[in-house]
Amino acid sequence: MSALPLHSPRPRREESPRRHLAPAPAPAPRRARPRLLHAVVTIGGIGVILLAQLLLSIALADGAYTIAGLQGEARDLARQEQALTEQLEVLSSTQNLTANAENLGMVASGNPVFLDLSTGKIRGKPTPAGGRLTGSGNQVSNVLLGDTPLVERPAVEEPATPTTPVTPVTGSPATPGGASGGGSAPGTIPSPTTR
């Protein structure tokens, strides 16, 4: 018997060239792409916020210019009011009123007389009016009145003769509580009923 070798060489097959093909690796898990709608909404929201901020800034700036204009106008009107107040004070001065009264033909009363309404009596002693108004002979003239014209006396037409006779008021006292019968009695001063 012959001994067989333990390892017998196998007949060699011709090795075919190895192909370098391998199975494709498993695809990597895809990242979830943001959806287009979410991106559009986000960008649109940012745009709306920026537009609102721009419009708010424009409105505030316009309001600030309006306020500044109104404050300037108020300042001008306050100055004009002050100038007119000063002019009114000059025209209402005693010197101006006296000069205008004399130019209109008014004369000062020598002695003031008062009428007591409760009794209807005249208090004081009447004297004829005449002379100049008190203080009309100013020693120091008002320089501010230099260009101010005096009030002129209006032209008066000749009065026609009255058709109804004028009755003088007598010194009788008024009836207490007002005149009876809704009218005033001759010689009394009409007055309201008081308590």
Protein backbone atom coordinates (compact mmCIF):
# COMPACT_ATOMS: atom_id res chain seq x y z
CA MET A 1 0.00 0.00 0.00
CA SER A 2 1.08 3.18 -0.78
CA ALA A 3 0.93 6.01 1.43
CA LEU A 4 -1.04 8.90 0.34
CA PRO A 5 0.19 12.24 1.29
CA LEU A 6 -1.83 13.88 3.88
CA HIS A 7 -2.18 16.91 1.93
CA SER A 8 -2.60 16.41 -1.58
CA PRO A 9 -2.10 19.39 -3.69
CA ARG A 10 -5.19 20.30 -5.36
CA PRO A 11 -5.06 21.04 -8.86
CA ARG A 12 -4.82 24.74 -9.30
CA ARG A 13 -7.54 26.41 -11.02
CA GLU A 14 -6.70 29.35 -12.84
CA GLU A 15 -7.60 32.20 -10.77
CA SER A 16 -9.79 34.64 -12.48
CA PRO A 17 -9.01 38.29 -11.98
CA ARG A 18 -10.80 39.58 -8.99
CA ARG A 19 -13.37 42.15 -9.59
CA HIS A 20 -13.42 45.04 -7.23
CA LEU A 21 -17.11 45.21 -6.94
CA ALA A 22 -18.58 45.39 -3.58
CA PRO A 23 -22.11 45.90 -2.49
CA ALA A 24 -23.06 49.59 -2.23
CA PRO A 25 -22.84 50.90 1.26
CA ALA A 26 -26.13 51.61 2.92
CA PRO A 27 -27.13 55.19 2.28
CA ALA A 28 -26.47 57.56 5.18
CA PRO A 29 -29.65 58.69 6.82
CA ARG A 30 -30.77 61.87 5.01
CA ARG A 31 -31.06 65.03 7.01
CA ALA A 32 -34.58 66.31 7.16
CA ARG A 33 -34.49 69.37 4.92
CA PRO A 34 -36.50 72.31 6.19
CA ARG A 35 -39.59 72.63 4.23
CA LEU A 36 -39.85 75.53 1.88
CA LEU A 37 -43.06 76.78 3.51
CA HIS A 38 -41.37 77.25 6.90
CA ALA A 39 -38.56 79.25 5.33
CA VAL A 40 -40.96 81.48 3.42
CA VAL A 41 -43.06 82.13 6.55
CA THR A 42 -39.97 82.99 8.61
CA ILE A 43 -38.53 85.37 6.00
CA GLY A 44 -41.96 86.92 5.44
CA GLY A 45 -42.41 87.47 9.20
CA ILE A 46 -39.02 89.17 9.44
CA GLY A 47 -39.91 91.35 6.45
CA VAL A 48 -43.25 92.37 8.00
CA ILE A 49 -41.55 93.26 11.31
CA LEU A 50 -38.92 95.39 9.53
CA LEU A 51 -41.60 97.12 7.43
CA ALA A 52 -43.72 97.84 10.53
CA GLN A 53 -40.67 99.26 12.32
CA LEU A 54 -39.90 101.48 9.32
CA LEU A 55 -43.48 102.78 9.12
CA LEU A 56 -43.53 103.41 12.87
CA SER A 57 -40.28 105.38 12.65
CA ILE A 58 -41.68 107.47 9.78
CA ALA A 59 -44.88 108.18 11.73
CA LEU A 60 -42.93 109.19 14.85
CA ALA A 61 -40.62 111.45 12.86
CA ASP A 62 -43.61 113.09 11.15
CA GLY A 63 -45.28 113.60 14.53
CA ALA A 64 -42.11 115.16 15.91
CA TYR A 65 -41.97 117.63 13.01
CA THR A 66 -45.66 118.45 13.51
CA ILE A 67 -45.12 119.04 17.23
CA ALA A 68 -42.09 121.25 16.55
CA GLY A 69 -44.12 123.29 14.03
CA LEU A 70 -47.02 123.71 16.44
CA GLN A 71 -44.69 124.74 19.25
CA GLY A 72 -43.15 127.39 16.99
CA GLU A 73 -46.61 128.63 16.04
CA ALA A 74 -47.65 128.76 19.72
CA ARG A 75 -44.49 130.74 20.54
CA ASP A 76 -45.28 133.23 17.73
CA LEU A 77 -48.88 133.59 18.91
CA ALA A 78 -47.72 134.16 22.50
CA ARG A 79 -45.42 136.96 21.29
CA GLN A 80 -48.26 138.47 19.26
CA GLU A 81 -50.57 138.26 22.29
CA GLN A 82 -47.98 140.00 24.43
CA ALA A 83 -47.56 142.81 21.87
CA LEU A 84 -51.33 143.29 21.63
CA THR A 85 -51.65 143.29 25.43
CA GLU A 86 -49.00 146.01 25.66
CA GLN A 87 -50.82 148.04 22.99
CA LEU A 88 -54.11 147.61 24.87
CA GLU A 89 -52.48 148.79 28.09
CA VAL A 90 -51.19 151.91 26.31
CA LEU A 91 -54.63 152.66 24.84
CA SER A 92 -56.39 152.08 28.15
CA SER A 93 -54.09 154.41 30.03
CA THR A 94 -55.65 157.28 31.93
CA GLN A 95 -53.88 159.83 29.72
CA ASN A 96 -55.34 158.34 26.52
CA LEU A 97 -58.85 158.01 27.96
CA THR A 98 -58.78 161.60 29.24
CA ALA A 99 -57.56 163.00 25.92
CA ASN A 100 -60.21 161.06 23.97
CA ALA A 101 -62.98 162.11 26.36
CA GLU A 102 -62.04 165.78 26.00
CA ASN A 103 -61.84 165.42 22.22
CA LEU A 104 -65.38 164.00 22.22
CA GLY A 105 -66.63 166.99 24.22
CA MET A 106 -66.98 165.42 27.63
CA VAL A 107 -66.42 167.61 30.64
CA ALA A 108 -65.77 166.76 34.24
CA SER A 109 -68.47 167.14 36.82
CA GLY A 110 -67.50 169.45 39.60
CA ASN A 111 -69.36 167.56 42.29
CA PRO A 112 -70.51 163.95 41.94
CA VAL A 113 -74.13 163.21 42.78
CA PHE A 114 -75.48 159.77 43.68
CA LEU A 115 -78.96 158.27 43.46
CA ASP A 116 -80.07 156.06 46.35
CA LEU A 117 -82.20 153.34 44.73
CA SER A 118 -83.76 152.14 47.98
CA THR A 119 -85.21 155.56 48.84
CA GLY A 120 -85.11 157.24 45.45
CA LYS A 121 -83.40 160.30 46.94
CA ILE A 122 -80.51 162.15 45.41
CA ARG A 123 -77.38 162.32 47.58
CA GLY A 124 -75.02 165.22 47.08
CA LYS A 125 -75.32 168.73 45.71
CA PRO A 126 -75.40 168.92 41.91
CA THR A 127 -73.35 171.63 40.25
CA PRO A 128 -73.10 172.40 36.56
CA ALA A 129 -70.42 170.48 34.70
CA GLY A 130 -67.51 172.46 33.44
CA GLY A 131 -63.78 172.67 33.35
CA ARG A 132 -61.26 170.07 32.37
CA LEU A 133 -61.08 166.48 33.45
CA THR A 134 -58.93 165.76 36.44
CA GLY A 135 -55.39 164.94 35.38
CA SER A 136 -55.86 166.19 31.84
CA GLY A 137 -53.08 168.71 32.24
CA ASN A 138 -50.32 166.09 32.32
CA GLN A 139 -46.96 167.43 33.17
CA VAL A 140 -45.18 164.40 31.65
CA SER A 141 -46.65 163.20 28.39
CA ASN A 142 -46.91 159.54 27.47
CA VAL A 143 -44.41 158.98 24.65
CA LEU A 144 -46.17 155.79 23.55
CA LEU A 145 -49.32 157.80 22.72
CA GLY A 146 -47.49 160.12 20.32
CA ASP A 147 -48.69 158.36 17.14
CA THR A 148 -52.11 157.32 18.47
CA PRO A 149 -54.95 159.29 16.87
CA LEU A 150 -57.74 160.58 19.08
CA VAL A 151 -61.33 159.49 18.63
CA GLU A 152 -63.24 162.01 16.51
CA ARG A 153 -66.66 163.30 17.41
CA PRO A 154 -69.25 161.84 15.01
CA ALA A 155 -71.23 164.26 12.88
CA VAL A 156 -74.63 164.75 14.49
CA GLU A 157 -77.70 165.70 12.50
CA GLU A 158 -80.06 168.30 13.90
CA PRO A 159 -82.53 166.46 16.11
CA ALA A 160 -86.12 166.69 15.09
CA THR A 161 -88.53 168.16 17.62
CA PRO A 162 -89.84 165.39 19.87
CA THR A 163 -93.47 164.49 19.31
CA THR A 164 -93.96 163.08 22.79
CA PRO A 165 -93.34 165.29 25.78
CA VAL A 166 -90.57 164.20 28.13
CA THR A 167 -91.66 164.02 31.76
CA PRO A 168 -88.98 164.64 34.34
CA VAL A 169 -88.33 162.03 37.00
CA THR A 170 -89.59 163.09 40.41
CA GLY A 171 -87.83 162.18 43.60
CA SER A 172 -90.59 159.88 44.90
CA PRO A 173 -89.40 156.59 46.32
CA ALA A 174 -89.94 153.37 44.38
CA THR A 175 -92.58 151.05 45.65
CA PRO A 176 -91.12 148.19 47.65
CA GLY A 177 -91.20 144.85 45.89
CA GLY A 178 -91.39 146.44 42.43
CA ALA A 179 -94.21 148.28 40.73
CA SER A 180 -97.61 146.72 40.89
CA GLY A 181 -99.52 145.75 37.77
CA GLY A 182 -96.41 144.74 35.80
CA GLY A 183 -95.49 148.34 34.82
CA SER A 184 -93.68 151.10 36.61
CA ALA A 185 -95.55 153.96 38.21
CA PRO A 186 -94.76 157.47 36.95
CA GLY A 187 -91.72 158.91 38.65
CA THR A 188 -90.25 155.58 39.78
CA ILE A 189 -87.24 153.66 38.59
CA PRO A 190 -88.11 150.22 37.18
CA SER A 191 -86.34 147.51 39.14
CA PRO A 192 -86.67 143.76 39.52
CA THR A 193 -88.53 142.24 42.43
CA THR A 194 -86.06 141.10 45.04
CA ARG A 195 -86.40 139.69 48.53
